């Protein structure tokens, strides 16, 4: 009698093909190597971090879009690309605040506006 229990593994996991912009594959490979992970593990980790950050800093509607996003695409593009997901989320939320609240937050952080 065979009592072996099969545990779901990478062979049975959901698969999704993504088209990457030129150069991104090498960037992912470099970062993954730096963290001693596979490219797949690096991508999954970053997606999980991004989804977690979004759940903390921006409510997602049932349609899958972030609510309270008043920032234009042009402003979003000005955020440096070397930031992690949490840093990017903080900048986006800061930009959504009225000027008086931005100033108050900077004062709270010990920065002079």
PDB file of N, CA and C in Angstrom:
ATOM      1  N   UNK A   1       0.838  -1.173   0.000  1.00  0.00           N
ATOM      2  CA  UNK A   1       0.000   0.000   0.000  1.00  0.00           C
ATOM      3  C   UNK A   1       0.882   1.234   0.000  1.00  0.00           C
ATOM      4  N   UNK A   2       0.617   2.189  -0.897  1.00  0.00           N
ATOM      5  CA  UNK A   2       1.402   3.410  -1.020  1.00  0.00           C
ATOM      6  C   UNK A   2       0.777   4.502  -0.156  1.00  0.00           C
ATOM      7  N   UNK A   3       1.496   4.948   0.892  1.00  0.00           N
ATOM      8  CA  UNK A   3       0.976   5.981   1.791  1.00  0.00           C
ATOM      9  C   UNK A   3       1.689   7.317   1.591  1.00  0.00           C
ATOM     10  N   UNK A   4       2.451   7.436   0.523  1.00  0.00           N
ATOM     11  CA  UNK A   4       3.199   8.661   0.249  1.00  0.00           C
ATOM     12  C   UNK A   4       2.232   9.807  -0.052  1.00  0.00           C
ATOM     13  N   UNK A   5       2.462  10.940   0.596  1.00  0.00           N
ATOM     14  CA  UNK A   5       1.637  12.125   0.381  1.00  0.00           C
ATOM     15  C   UNK A   5       2.427  13.084  -0.492  1.00  0.00           C
ATOM     16  N   UNK A   6       1.813  13.524  -1.576  1.00  0.00           N
ATOM     17  CA  UNK A   6       2.488  14.459  -2.464  1.00  0.00           C
ATOM     18  C   UNK A   6       2.244  15.882  -1.984  1.00  0.00           C
ATOM     19  N   UNK A   7       3.326  16.626  -1.842  1.00  0.00           N
ATOM     20  CA  UNK A   7       3.260  18.021  -1.419  1.00  0.00           C
ATOM     21  C   UNK A   7       3.386  18.884  -2.666  1.00  0.00           C
ATOM     22  N   UNK A   8       2.498  19.868  -2.806  1.00  0.00           N
ATOM     23  CA  UNK A   8       2.604  20.740  -3.986  1.00  0.00           C
ATOM     24  C   UNK A   8       3.973  21.412  -4.029  1.00  0.00           C
ATOM     25  N   UNK A   9       4.557  21.414  -5.179  1.00  0.00           N
ATOM     26  CA  UNK A   9       5.875  22.017  -5.334  1.00  0.00           C
ATOM     27  C   UNK A   9       5.904  22.954  -6.523  1.00  0.00           C
ATOM     28  N   UNK A  10       7.087  23.323  -6.925  1.00  0.00           N
ATOM     29  CA  UNK A  10       7.238  24.287  -8.007  1.00  0.00           C
ATOM     30  C   UNK A  10       6.687  23.763  -9.333  1.00  0.00           C
ATOM     31  N   UNK A  11       6.662  22.456  -9.497  1.00  0.00           N
ATOM     32  CA  UNK A  11       6.157  21.888 -10.756  1.00  0.00           C
ATOM     33  C   UNK A  11       4.641  22.033 -10.881  1.00  0.00           C
ATOM     34  N   UNK A  12       3.953  22.124  -9.751  1.00  0.00           N
ATOM     35  CA  UNK A  12       2.493  22.237  -9.801  1.00  0.00           C
ATOM     36  C   UNK A  12       2.006  23.654  -9.491  1.00  0.00           C
ATOM     37  N   UNK A  13       2.928  24.572  -9.222  1.00  0.00           N
ATOM     38  CA  UNK A  13       2.559  25.955  -8.896  1.00  0.00           C
ATOM     39  C   UNK A  13       2.011  26.654 -10.138  1.00  0.00           C
ATOM     40  N   UNK A  14       1.201  27.678  -9.898  1.00  0.00           N
ATOM     41  CA  UNK A  14       0.689  28.482 -11.016  1.00  0.00           C
ATOM     42  C   UNK A  14       1.855  29.099 -11.769  1.00  0.00           C
ATOM     43  N   UNK A  15       1.710  29.168 -13.075  1.00  0.00           N
ATOM     44  CA  UNK A  15       2.748  29.757 -13.923  1.00  0.00           C
ATOM     45  C   UNK A  15       2.138  30.894 -14.715  1.00  0.00           C
ATOM     46  N   UNK A  16       2.949  31.943 -14.927  1.00  0.00           N
ATOM     47  CA  UNK A  16       2.491  33.120 -15.642  1.00  0.00           C
ATOM     48  C   UNK A  16       3.669  33.674 -16.429  1.00  0.00           C
ATOM     49  N   UNK A  17       3.500  33.869 -17.716  1.00  0.00           N
ATOM     50  CA  UNK A  17       4.564  34.385 -18.562  1.00  0.00           C
ATOM     51  C   UNK A  17       4.509  35.912 -18.546  1.00  0.00           C
ATOM     52  N   UNK A  18       5.652  36.530 -18.345  1.00  0.00           N
ATOM     53  CA  UNK A  18       5.736  37.995 -18.310  1.00  0.00           C
ATOM     54  C   UNK A  18       6.756  38.444 -19.345  1.00  0.00           C
ATOM     55  N   UNK A  19       6.389  39.463 -20.111  1.00  0.00           N
ATOM     56  CA  UNK A  19       7.324  40.067 -21.053  1.00  0.00           C
ATOM     57  C   UNK A  19       8.027  41.215 -20.334  1.00  0.00           C
ATOM     58  N   UNK A  20       9.346  41.132 -20.246  1.00  0.00           N
ATOM     59  CA  UNK A  20      10.133  42.131 -19.536  1.00  0.00           C
ATOM     60  C   UNK A  20      10.720  43.145 -20.516  1.00  0.00           C
ATOM     61  N   UNK A  21      10.796  44.399 -20.100  1.00  0.00           N
ATOM     62  CA  UNK A  21      11.457  45.399 -20.952  1.00  0.00           C
ATOM     63  C   UNK A  21      12.933  45.052 -21.111  1.00  0.00           C
ATOM     64  N   UNK A  22      13.548  45.568 -22.154  1.00  0.00           N
ATOM     65  CA  UNK A  22      14.966  45.317 -22.402  1.00  0.00           C
ATOM     66  C   UNK A  22      15.795  45.669 -21.168  1.00  0.00           C
ATOM     67  N   UNK A  23      16.672  44.776 -20.782  1.00  0.00           N
ATOM     68  CA  UNK A  23      17.588  45.015 -19.677  1.00  0.00           C
ATOM     69  C   UNK A  23      17.067  44.604 -18.310  1.00  0.00           C
ATOM     70  N   UNK A  24      15.758  44.452 -18.162  1.00  0.00           N
ATOM     71  CA  UNK A  24      15.218  44.136 -16.843  1.00  0.00           C
ATOM     72  C   UNK A  24      15.593  42.723 -16.400  1.00  0.00           C
ATOM     73  N   UNK A  25      15.648  41.790 -17.325  1.00  0.00           N
ATOM     74  CA  UNK A  25      16.001  40.415 -16.959  1.00  0.00           C
ATOM     75  C   UNK A  25      17.380  40.377 -16.315  1.00  0.00           C
ATOM     76  N   UNK A  26      18.328  41.109 -16.881  1.00  0.00           N
ATOM     77  CA  UNK A  26      19.681  41.126 -16.323  1.00  0.00           C
ATOM     78  C   UNK A  26      19.704  41.811 -14.958  1.00  0.00           C
ATOM     79  N   UNK A  27      18.920  42.874 -14.794  1.00  0.00           N
ATOM     80  CA  UNK A  27      18.847  43.550 -13.496  1.00  0.00           C
ATOM     81  C   UNK A  27      18.311  42.591 -12.429  1.00  0.00           C
ATOM     82  N   UNK A  28      17.272  41.850 -12.785  1.00  0.00           N
ATOM     83  CA  UNK A  28      16.697  40.882 -11.841  1.00  0.00           C
ATOM     84  C   UNK A  28      17.721  39.808 -11.518  1.00  0.00           C
ATOM     85  N   UNK A  29      18.433  39.333 -12.528  1.00  0.00           N
ATOM     86  CA  UNK A  29      19.454  38.303 -12.315  1.00  0.00           C
ATOM     87  C   UNK A  29      20.542  38.817 -11.375  1.00  0.00           C
ATOM     88  N   UNK A  30      20.966  40.053 -11.565  1.00  0.00           N
ATOM     89  CA  UNK A  30      22.017  40.635 -10.723  1.00  0.00           C
ATOM     90  C   UNK A  30      21.554  40.770  -9.274  1.00  0.00           C
ATOM     91  N   UNK A  31      20.345  41.285  -9.089  1.00  0.00           N
ATOM     92  CA  UNK A  31      19.820  41.467  -7.730  1.00  0.00           C
ATOM     93  C   UNK A  31      19.616  40.111  -7.053  1.00  0.00           C
ATOM     94  N   UNK A  32      19.073  39.150  -7.786  1.00  0.00           N
ATOM     95  CA  UNK A  32      18.842  37.817  -7.235  1.00  0.00           C
ATOM     96  C   UNK A  32      20.164  37.190  -6.798  1.00  0.00           C
ATOM     97  N   UNK A  33      21.178  37.333  -7.613  1.00  0.00           N
ATOM     98  CA  UNK A  33      22.489  36.788  -7.268  1.00  0.00           C
ATOM     99  C   UNK A  33      23.026  37.447  -5.997  1.00  0.00           C
ATOM    100  N   UNK A  34      22.831  38.760  -5.890  1.00  0.00           N
ATOM    101  CA  UNK A  34      23.287  39.511  -4.711  1.00  0.00           C
ATOM    102  C   UNK A  34      22.612  39.010  -3.439  1.00  0.00           C
ATOM    103  N   UNK A  35      21.343  38.618  -3.526  1.00  0.00           N
ATOM    104  CA  UNK A  35      20.601  38.122  -2.375  1.00  0.00           C
ATOM    105  C   UNK A  35      20.641  36.593  -2.259  1.00  0.00           C
ATOM    106  N   UNK A  36      21.421  35.952  -3.114  1.00  0.00           N
ATOM    107  CA  UNK A  36      21.576  34.485  -3.100  1.00  0.00           C
ATOM    108  C   UNK A  36      20.225  33.791  -3.281  1.00  0.00           C
ATOM    109  N   UNK A  37      19.452  34.296  -4.254  1.00  0.00           N
ATOM    110  CA  UNK A  37      18.152  33.711  -4.558  1.00  0.00           C
ATOM    111  C   UNK A  37      18.070  33.445  -6.053  1.00  0.00           C
ATOM    112  N   UNK A  38      17.106  32.626  -6.407  1.00  0.00           N
ATOM    113  CA  UNK A  38      16.826  32.430  -7.829  1.00  0.00           C
ATOM    114  C   UNK A  38      16.094  33.666  -8.343  1.00  0.00           C
ATOM    115  N   UNK A  39      16.071  33.833  -9.640  1.00  0.00           N
ATOM    116  CA  UNK A  39      15.327  34.961 -10.227  1.00  0.00           C
ATOM    117  C   UNK A  39      13.849  34.845  -9.865  1.00  0.00           C
ATOM    118  N   UNK A  40      13.316  33.639  -9.914  1.00  0.00           N
ATOM    119  CA  UNK A  40      11.911  33.433  -9.577  1.00  0.00           C
ATOM    120  C   UNK A  40      11.630  33.858  -8.136  1.00  0.00           C
ATOM    121  N   UNK A  41      12.492  33.436  -7.204  1.00  0.00           N
ATOM    122  CA  UNK A  41      12.309  33.803  -5.805  1.00  0.00           C
ATOM    123  C   UNK A  41      12.394  35.305  -5.610  1.00  0.00           C
ATOM    124  N   UNK A  42      13.293  35.945  -6.328  1.00  0.00           N
ATOM    125  CA  UNK A  42      13.436  37.405  -6.227  1.00  0.00           C
ATOM    126  C   UNK A  42      12.179  38.110  -6.727  1.00  0.00           C
ATOM    127  N   UNK A  43      11.659  37.669  -7.853  1.00  0.00           N
ATOM    128  CA  UNK A  43      10.449  38.277  -8.415  1.00  0.00           C
ATOM    129  C   UNK A  43       9.268  38.073  -7.483  1.00  0.00           C
ATOM    130  N   UNK A  44       9.090  36.856  -6.981  1.00  0.00           N
ATOM    131  CA  UNK A  44       7.974  36.566  -6.078  1.00  0.00           C
ATOM    132  C   UNK A  44       8.102  37.392  -4.799  1.00  0.00           C
ATOM    133  N   UNK A  45       9.309  37.487  -4.258  1.00  0.00           N
ATOM    134  CA  UNK A  45       9.534  38.269  -3.044  1.00  0.00           C
ATOM    135  C   UNK A  45       9.164  39.730  -3.249  1.00  0.00           C
ATOM    136  N   UNK A  46       9.572  40.286  -4.377  1.00  0.00           N
ATOM    137  CA  UNK A  46       9.277  41.692  -4.653  1.00  0.00           C
ATOM    138  C   UNK A  46       7.784  41.919  -4.909  1.00  0.00           C
ATOM    139  N   UNK A  47       7.141  40.982  -5.544  1.00  0.00           N
ATOM    140  CA  UNK A  47       5.694  41.104  -5.746  1.00  0.00           C
ATOM    141  C   UNK A  47       4.966  41.046  -4.408  1.00  0.00           C
ATOM    142  N   UNK A  48       5.375  40.112  -3.553  1.00  0.00           N
ATOM    143  CA  UNK A  48       4.756  40.015  -2.227  1.00  0.00           C
ATOM    144  C   UNK A  48       4.961  41.297  -1.428  1.00  0.00           C
ATOM    145  N   UNK A  49       6.172  41.851  -1.479  1.00  0.00           N
ATOM    146  CA  UNK A  49       6.471  43.089  -0.764  1.00  0.00           C
ATOM    147  C   UNK A  49       5.621  44.234  -1.301  1.00  0.00           C
ATOM    148  N   UNK A  50       5.492  44.314  -2.597  1.00  0.00           N
ATOM    149  CA  UNK A  50       4.698  45.374  -3.218  1.00  0.00           C
ATOM    150  C   UNK A  50       3.226  45.254  -2.843  1.00  0.00           C
ATOM    151  N   UNK A  51       2.693  44.051  -2.895  1.00  0.00           N
ATOM    152  CA  UNK A  51       1.286  43.841  -2.536  1.00  0.00           C
ATOM    153  C   UNK A  51       1.045  44.128  -1.064  1.00  0.00           C
ATOM    154  N   UNK A  52       1.998  43.748  -0.221  1.00  0.00           N
ATOM    155  CA  UNK A  52       1.877  44.019   1.215  1.00  0.00           C
ATOM    156  C   UNK A  52       1.909  45.529   1.464  1.00  0.00           C
ATOM    157  N   UNK A  53       2.822  46.229   0.823  1.00  0.00           N
ATOM    158  CA  UNK A  53       2.934  47.680   0.975  1.00  0.00           C
ATOM    159  C   UNK A  53       1.670  48.366   0.512  1.00  0.00           C
ATOM    160  N   UNK A  54       1.149  47.923  -0.606  1.00  0.00           N
ATOM    161  CA  UNK A  54      -0.081  48.514  -1.129  1.00  0.00           C
ATOM    162  C   UNK A  54      -1.232  48.311  -0.149  1.00  0.00           C
ATOM    163  N   UNK A  55      -1.281  47.161   0.488  1.00  0.00           N
ATOM    164  CA  UNK A  55      -2.357  46.913   1.446  1.00  0.00           C
ATOM    165  C   UNK A  55      -2.201  47.790   2.682  1.00  0.00           C
ATOM    166  N   UNK A  56      -0.980  48.185   3.010  1.00  0.00           N
ATOM    167  CA  UNK A  56      -0.747  49.056   4.159  1.00  0.00           C
ATOM    168  C   UNK A  56      -1.001  50.525   3.839  1.00  0.00           C
ATOM    169  N   UNK A  57      -0.596  50.953   2.652  1.00  0.00           N
ATOM    170  CA  UNK A  57      -0.598  52.372   2.332  1.00  0.00           C
ATOM    171  C   UNK A  57      -1.674  52.809   1.351  1.00  0.00           C
ATOM    172  N   UNK A  58      -2.375  51.910   0.749  1.00  0.00           N
ATOM    173  CA  UNK A  58      -3.410  52.289  -0.192  1.00  0.00           C
ATOM    174  C   UNK A  58      -4.430  51.183  -0.318  1.00  0.00           C
ATOM    175  N   UNK A  59      -5.658  51.485   0.059  1.00  0.00           N
ATOM    176  CA  UNK A  59      -6.718  50.475  -0.037  1.00  0.00           C
ATOM    177  C   UNK A  59      -6.942  50.132  -1.493  1.00  0.00           C
ATOM    178  N   UNK A  60      -7.101  48.867  -1.779  1.00  0.00           N
ATOM    179  CA  UNK A  60      -7.341  48.414  -3.144  1.00  0.00           C
ATOM    180  C   UNK A  60      -8.823  48.084  -3.278  1.00  0.00           C
ATOM    181  N   UNK A  61      -9.444  48.663  -4.288  1.00  0.00           N
ATOM    182  CA  UNK A  61     -10.865  48.400  -4.513  1.00  0.00           C
ATOM    183  C   UNK A  61     -11.044  47.014  -5.103  1.00  0.00           C
ATOM    184  N   UNK A  62     -12.288  46.582  -5.208  1.00  0.00           N
ATOM    185  CA  UNK A  62     -12.558  45.259  -5.764  1.00  0.00           C
ATOM    186  C   UNK A  62     -12.129  45.163  -7.219  1.00  0.00           C
ATOM    187  N   UNK A  63     -12.078  46.288  -7.916  1.00  0.00           N
ATOM    188  CA  UNK A  63     -11.638  46.272  -9.313  1.00  0.00           C
ATOM    189  C   UNK A  63     -10.134  46.147  -9.422  1.00  0.00           C
ATOM    190  N   UNK A  64      -9.431  46.233  -8.270  1.00  0.00           N
ATOM    191  CA  UNK A  64      -7.989  46.059  -8.280  1.00  0.00           C
ATOM    192  C   UNK A  64      -7.224  47.355  -8.465  1.00  0.00           C
ATOM    193  N   UNK A  65      -7.877  48.505  -8.405  1.00  0.00           N
ATOM    194  CA  UNK A  65      -7.179  49.764  -8.543  1.00  0.00           C
ATOM    195  C   UNK A  65      -7.025  50.401  -7.176  1.00  0.00           C
ATOM    196  N   UNK A  66      -5.958  51.149  -7.005  1.00  0.00           N
ATOM    197  CA  UNK A  66      -5.714  51.806  -5.727  1.00  0.00           C
ATOM    198  C   UNK A  66      -6.601  53.025  -5.615  1.00  0.00           C
ATOM    199  N   UNK A  67      -7.297  53.131  -4.480  1.00  0.00           N
ATOM    200  CA  UNK A  67      -8.166  54.273  -4.249  1.00  0.00           C
ATOM    201  C   UNK A  67      -7.343  55.451  -3.756  1.00  0.00           C
ATOM    202  N   UNK A  68      -7.915  56.651  -3.860  1.00  0.00           N
ATOM    203  CA  UNK A  68      -7.297  57.884  -3.397  1.00  0.00           C
ATOM    204  C   UNK A  68      -6.002  58.197  -4.134  1.00  0.00           C
ATOM    205  N   UNK A  69      -5.880  57.782  -5.348  1.00  0.00           N
ATOM    206  CA  UNK A  69      -4.696  58.091  -6.122  1.00  0.00           C
ATOM    207  C   UNK A  69      -4.999  59.309  -6.983  1.00  0.00           C
ATOM    208  N   UNK A  70      -4.513  60.472  -6.512  1.00  0.00           N
ATOM    209  CA  UNK A  70      -4.740  61.713  -7.238  1.00  0.00           C
ATOM    210  C   UNK A  70      -3.498  62.137  -7.991  1.00  0.00           C
ATOM    211  N   UNK A  71      -2.433  61.433  -7.804  1.00  0.00           N
ATOM    212  CA  UNK A  71      -1.156  61.765  -8.409  1.00  0.00           C
ATOM    213  C   UNK A  71      -1.175  61.414  -9.898  1.00  0.00           C
ATOM    214  N   UNK A  72      -0.665  62.318 -10.721  1.00  0.00           N
ATOM    215  CA  UNK A  72      -0.630  62.070 -12.160  1.00  0.00           C
ATOM    216  C   UNK A  72       0.482  61.092 -12.505  1.00  0.00           C
ATOM    217  N   UNK A  73       0.400  60.501 -13.694  1.00  0.00           N
ATOM    218  CA  UNK A  73       1.447  59.583 -14.142  1.00  0.00           C
ATOM    219  C   UNK A  73       2.786  60.294 -14.231  1.00  0.00           C
ATOM    220  N   UNK A  74       2.749  61.576 -14.606  1.00  0.00           N
ATOM    221  CA  UNK A  74       3.986  62.341 -14.717  1.00  0.00           C
ATOM    222  C   UNK A  74       4.676  62.456 -13.367  1.00  0.00           C
ATOM    223  N   UNK A  75       3.900  62.718 -12.297  1.00  0.00           N
ATOM    224  CA  UNK A  75       4.468  62.814 -10.962  1.00  0.00           C
ATOM    225  C   UNK A  75       5.003  61.466 -10.499  1.00  0.00           C
ATOM    226  N   UNK A  76       4.285  60.380 -10.802  1.00  0.00           N
ATOM    227  CA  UNK A  76       4.726  59.053 -10.402  1.00  0.00           C
ATOM    228  C   UNK A  76       6.050  58.702 -11.057  1.00  0.00           C
ATOM    229  N   UNK A  77       6.253  59.131 -12.279  1.00  0.00           N
ATOM    230  CA  UNK A  77       7.483  58.810 -12.988  1.00  0.00           C
ATOM    231  C   UNK A  77       8.688  59.511 -12.390  1.00  0.00           C
ATOM    232  N   UNK A  78       8.478  60.579 -11.617  1.00  0.00           N
ATOM    233  CA  UNK A  78       9.573  61.318 -11.021  1.00  0.00           C
ATOM    234  C   UNK A  78      10.137  60.628  -9.783  1.00  0.00           C
ATOM    235  N   UNK A  79       9.474  59.597  -9.295  1.00  0.00           N
ATOM    236  CA  UNK A  79       9.974  58.861  -8.134  1.00  0.00           C
ATOM    237  C   UNK A  79      11.179  58.038  -8.574  1.00  0.00           C
ATOM    238  N   UNK A  80      12.307  58.188  -7.884  1.00  0.00           N
ATOM    239  CA  UNK A  80      13.508  57.428  -8.279  1.00  0.00           C
ATOM    240  C   UNK A  80      13.233  55.926  -8.322  1.00  0.00           C
ATOM    241  N   UNK A  81      13.852  55.258  -9.254  1.00  0.00           N
ATOM    242  CA  UNK A  81      13.609  53.830  -9.449  1.00  0.00           C
ATOM    243  C   UNK A  81      14.414  52.949  -8.496  1.00  0.00           C
ATOM    244  N   UNK A  82      15.369  53.533  -7.760  1.00  0.00           N
ATOM    245  CA  UNK A  82      16.179  52.710  -6.870  1.00  0.00           C
ATOM    246  C   UNK A  82      15.568  52.563  -5.479  1.00  0.00           C
ATOM    247  N   UNK A  83      14.347  53.064  -5.288  1.00  0.00           N
ATOM    248  CA  UNK A  83      13.666  52.940  -4.007  1.00  0.00           C
ATOM    249  C   UNK A  83      12.975  51.594  -3.898  1.00  0.00           C
ATOM    250  N   UNK A  84      12.837  51.103  -2.664  1.00  0.00           N
ATOM    251  CA  UNK A  84      12.070  49.874  -2.487  1.00  0.00           C
ATOM    252  C   UNK A  84      10.580  50.221  -2.454  1.00  0.00           C
ATOM    253  N   UNK A  85       9.747  49.220  -2.372  1.00  0.00           N
ATOM    254  CA  UNK A  85       8.300  49.428  -2.452  1.00  0.00           C
ATOM    255  C   UNK A  85       7.769  50.292  -1.317  1.00  0.00           C
ATOM    256  N   UNK A  86       8.301  50.116  -0.111  1.00  0.00           N
ATOM    257  CA  UNK A  86       7.843  50.907   1.034  1.00  0.00           C
ATOM    258  C   UNK A  86       8.202  52.371   0.838  1.00  0.00           C
ATOM    259  N   UNK A  87       9.430  52.639   0.412  1.00  0.00           N
ATOM    260  CA  UNK A  87       9.856  54.019   0.184  1.00  0.00           C
ATOM    261  C   UNK A  87       9.021  54.692  -0.905  1.00  0.00           C
ATOM    262  N   UNK A  88       8.763  53.973  -1.978  1.00  0.00           N
ATOM    263  CA  UNK A  88       7.923  54.520  -3.055  1.00  0.00           C
ATOM    264  C   UNK A  88       6.514  54.825  -2.559  1.00  0.00           C
ATOM    265  N   UNK A  89       5.956  53.911  -1.756  1.00  0.00           N
ATOM    266  CA  UNK A  89       4.610  54.114  -1.220  1.00  0.00           C
ATOM    267  C   UNK A  89       4.561  55.333  -0.308  1.00  0.00           C
ATOM    268  N   UNK A  90       5.607  55.520   0.494  1.00  0.00           N
ATOM    269  CA  UNK A  90       5.658  56.677   1.392  1.00  0.00           C
ATOM    270  C   UNK A  90       5.686  57.965   0.581  1.00  0.00           C
ATOM    271  N   UNK A  91       6.494  58.003  -0.450  1.00  0.00           N
ATOM    272  CA  UNK A  91       6.569  59.206  -1.294  1.00  0.00           C
ATOM    273  C   UNK A  91       5.231  59.482  -1.959  1.00  0.00           C
ATOM    274  N   UNK A  92       4.591  58.450  -2.483  1.00  0.00           N
ATOM    275  CA  UNK A  92       3.297  58.642  -3.133  1.00  0.00           C
ATOM    276  C   UNK A  92       2.262  59.171  -2.155  1.00  0.00           C
ATOM    277  N   UNK A  93       2.214  58.603  -0.947  1.00  0.00           N
ATOM    278  CA  UNK A  93       1.247  59.071   0.052  1.00  0.00           C
ATOM    279  C   UNK A  93       1.573  60.487   0.508  1.00  0.00           C
ATOM    280  N   UNK A  94       2.851  60.812   0.679  1.00  0.00           N
ATOM    281  CA  UNK A  94       3.256  62.154   1.071  1.00  0.00           C
ATOM    282  C   UNK A  94       2.785  63.177   0.043  1.00  0.00           C
ATOM    283  N   UNK A  95       2.936  62.837  -1.225  1.00  0.00           N
ATOM    284  CA  UNK A  95       2.531  63.750  -2.295  1.00  0.00           C
ATOM    285  C   UNK A  95       1.023  63.970  -2.332  1.00  0.00           C
ATOM    286  N   UNK A  96       0.267  63.043  -1.789  1.00  0.00           N
ATOM    287  CA  UNK A  96      -1.191  63.177  -1.782  1.00  0.00           C
ATOM    288  C   UNK A  96      -1.679  64.084  -0.658  1.00  0.00           C
ATOM    289  N   UNK A  97      -0.818  64.344   0.329  1.00  0.00           N
ATOM    290  CA  UNK A  97      -1.211  65.173   1.461  1.00  0.00           C
ATOM    291  C   UNK A  97      -1.247  66.652   1.068  1.00  0.00           C
ATOM    292  N   UNK A  98      -2.124  67.424   1.718  1.00  0.00           N
ATOM    293  CA  UNK A  98      -2.102  68.875   1.521  1.00  0.00           C
ATOM    294  C   UNK A  98      -0.764  69.447   2.001  1.00  0.00           C
ATOM    295  N   UNK A  99      -0.377  70.583   1.489  1.00  0.00           N
ATOM    296  CA  UNK A  99       0.919  71.189   1.809  1.00  0.00           C
ATOM    297  C   UNK A  99       1.118  71.374   3.312  1.00  0.00           C
ATOM    298  N   UNK A 100       0.085  71.780   4.025  1.00  0.00           N
ATOM    299  CA  UNK A 100       0.204  72.001   5.468  1.00  0.00           C
ATOM    300  C   UNK A 100       0.526  70.689   6.199  1.00  0.00           C
ATOM    301  N   UNK A 101      -0.087  69.590   5.767  1.00  0.00           N
ATOM    302  CA  UNK A 101       0.183  68.297   6.401  1.00  0.00           C
ATOM    303  C   UNK A 101       1.573  67.784   6.031  1.00  0.00           C
ATOM    304  N   UNK A 102       2.021  68.050   4.811  1.00  0.00           N
ATOM    305  CA  UNK A 102       3.379  67.682   4.425  1.00  0.00           C
ATOM    306  C   UNK A 102       4.384  68.400   5.318  1.00  0.00           C
ATOM    307  N   UNK A 103       4.158  69.697   5.510  1.00  0.00           N
ATOM    308  CA  UNK A 103       5.055  70.499   6.352  1.00  0.00           C
ATOM    309  C   UNK A 103       5.051  69.972   7.785  1.00  0.00           C
ATOM    310  N   UNK A 104       3.865  69.672   8.327  1.00  0.00           N
ATOM    311  CA  UNK A 104       3.751  69.161   9.691  1.00  0.00           C
ATOM    312  C   UNK A 104       4.483  67.828   9.824  1.00  0.00           C
ATOM    313  N   UNK A 105       4.351  66.971   8.826  1.00  0.00           N
ATOM    314  CA  UNK A 105       5.022  65.672   8.868  1.00  0.00           C
ATOM    315  C   UNK A 105       6.543  65.853   8.849  1.00  0.00           C
ATOM    316  N   UNK A 106       7.025  66.738   8.004  1.00  0.00           N
ATOM    317  CA  UNK A 106       8.472  66.997   7.948  1.00  0.00           C
ATOM    318  C   UNK A 106       8.969  67.547   9.275  1.00  0.00           C
ATOM    319  N   UNK A 107       8.192  68.424   9.906  1.00  0.00           N
ATOM    320  CA  UNK A 107       8.584  68.954  11.219  1.00  0.00           C
ATOM    321  C   UNK A 107       8.616  67.834  12.261  1.00  0.00           C
ATOM    322  N   UNK A 108       7.638  66.955  12.202  1.00  0.00           N
ATOM    323  CA  UNK A 108       7.590  65.815  13.113  1.00  0.00           C
ATOM    324  C   UNK A 108       8.821  64.927  12.954  1.00  0.00           C
ATOM    325  N   UNK A 109       9.287  64.795  11.722  1.00  0.00           N
ATOM    326  CA  UNK A 109      10.467  63.975  11.439  1.00  0.00           C
ATOM    327  C   UNK A 109      11.779  64.712  11.728  1.00  0.00           C
ATOM    328  N   UNK A 110      11.670  65.985  12.144  1.00  0.00           N
ATOM    329  CA  UNK A 110      12.867  66.741  12.472  1.00  0.00           C
ATOM    330  C   UNK A 110      13.481  67.442  11.295  1.00  0.00           C
ATOM    331  N   UNK A 111      12.755  67.524  10.200  1.00  0.00           N
ATOM    332  CA  UNK A 111      13.219  68.205   9.014  1.00  0.00           C
ATOM    333  C   UNK A 111      12.637  69.612   8.986  1.00  0.00           C
ATOM    334  N   UNK A 112      13.349  70.552   8.441  1.00  0.00           N
ATOM    335  CA  UNK A 112      12.806  71.897   8.286  1.00  0.00           C
ATOM    336  C   UNK A 112      12.310  72.068   6.866  1.00  0.00           C
ATOM    337  N   UNK A 113      11.114  72.587   6.745  1.00  0.00           N
ATOM    338  CA  UNK A 113      10.512  72.742   5.417  1.00  0.00           C
ATOM    339  C   UNK A 113      10.866  74.082   4.819  1.00  0.00           C
TER     340      UNK A 113
END
